[in-house]
């Protein structure tokens, strides 16, 4: 519930000329790493609506590989405990 409320607030600020979700050299790329498929898909969809470029991983090994990549995300939202961590 709180996540949906935060997304609504951010979306209204973006449409009202508030702070942009992108920075000077492109869209912000986010990694969502969670073994819960529903949560991962929901959060990814909501953040994509706000203009973020979202990549996902379903386990720790996949998240680590994305984080080690040169074109890796600017921010990672990680599950505290998941397989392969």
Protein backbone atom coordinates (compact mmCIF):
# COMPACT_ATOMS: atom_id res chain seq x y z
CA UNK A 1 0.00 0.00 0.00
CA UNK A 2 2.73 2.49 0.95
CA UNK A 3 4.66 1.68 -2.24
CA UNK A 4 1.65 2.51 -4.42
CA UNK A 5 1.17 5.78 -2.55
CA UNK A 6 4.84 6.74 -3.02
CA UNK A 7 4.60 5.92 -6.74
CA UNK A 8 1.50 8.13 -7.07
CA UNK A 9 3.28 11.02 -5.34
CA UNK A 10 6.37 10.68 -7.54
CA UNK A 11 4.28 10.41 -10.69
CA UNK A 12 2.33 13.58 -9.83
CA UNK A 13 5.55 15.49 -9.14
CA UNK A 14 7.02 14.38 -12.47
CA UNK A 15 3.94 15.56 -14.38
CA UNK A 16 3.82 18.86 -12.47
CA UNK A 17 7.32 19.83 -13.56
CA UNK A 18 8.89 18.42 -10.41
CA UNK A 19 12.27 16.74 -10.25
CA UNK A 20 13.14 14.56 -13.20
CA UNK A 21 13.85 10.85 -12.82
CA UNK A 22 16.67 11.05 -15.31
CA UNK A 23 20.06 12.60 -14.96
CA UNK A 24 22.23 14.37 -17.51
CA UNK A 25 23.63 11.28 -19.23
CA UNK A 26 20.49 9.16 -19.55
CA UNK A 27 17.74 7.35 -17.70
CA UNK A 28 18.52 5.88 -14.34
CA UNK A 29 18.87 2.10 -14.55
CA UNK A 30 17.57 0.13 -11.55
CA UNK A 31 18.12 -3.49 -10.59
CA UNK A 32 15.36 -5.28 -8.72
CA UNK A 33 16.58 -8.57 -7.27
CA UNK A 34 13.99 -10.73 -5.55
CA UNK A 35 13.06 -14.40 -5.68
CA UNK A 36 9.35 -13.52 -5.33
CA UNK A 37 8.16 -13.25 -8.94
CA UNK A 38 5.00 -11.29 -8.14
CA UNK A 39 6.83 -8.67 -6.09
CA UNK A 40 9.63 -8.39 -8.67
CA UNK A 41 7.17 -7.91 -11.54
CA UNK A 42 4.94 -5.47 -9.62
CA UNK A 43 7.81 -3.26 -8.48
CA UNK A 44 9.44 -3.37 -11.91
CA UNK A 45 6.21 -2.38 -13.66
CA UNK A 46 5.54 0.52 -11.27
CA UNK A 47 9.08 1.89 -11.52
CA UNK A 48 9.01 1.57 -15.31
CA UNK A 49 5.83 3.67 -15.37
CA UNK A 50 7.81 6.38 -13.59
CA UNK A 51 10.44 6.38 -16.32
CA UNK A 52 13.15 4.21 -14.80
CA UNK A 53 14.95 1.60 -16.90
CA UNK A 54 14.41 -1.57 -14.87
CA UNK A 55 16.36 -4.82 -14.98
CA UNK A 56 15.56 -7.78 -12.76
CA UNK A 57 17.25 -10.80 -11.24
CA UNK A 58 15.59 -13.75 -9.50
CA UNK A 59 18.59 -14.84 -7.43
CA UNK A 60 21.81 -13.59 -5.87
CA UNK A 61 24.07 -14.92 -8.62
CA UNK A 62 22.09 -13.11 -11.32
CA UNK A 63 22.07 -9.88 -9.31
CA UNK A 64 25.82 -10.06 -8.72
CA UNK A 65 26.48 -10.61 -12.44
CA UNK A 66 24.44 -7.52 -13.32
CA UNK A 67 26.15 -5.43 -10.65
CA UNK A 68 29.61 -6.45 -11.92
CA UNK A 69 28.73 -5.50 -15.51
CA UNK A 70 30.20 -2.17 -16.72
CA UNK A 71 26.72 -1.12 -17.89
CA UNK A 72 25.31 -2.15 -14.53
CA UNK A 73 22.52 -0.36 -12.70
CA UNK A 74 22.85 2.94 -10.85
CA UNK A 75 20.72 1.63 -7.99
CA UNK A 76 19.84 -1.85 -6.72
CA UNK A 77 16.79 -2.87 -4.73
CA UNK A 78 17.69 -6.19 -3.17
CA UNK A 79 15.82 -8.88 -1.29
CA UNK A 80 17.49 -9.42 2.08
CA UNK A 81 17.51 -13.21 1.79
CA UNK A 82 17.20 -15.19 -1.43
CA UNK A 83 18.70 -18.22 -3.17
CA UNK A 84 22.23 -17.82 -4.48
CA UNK A 85 23.05 -14.94 -2.14
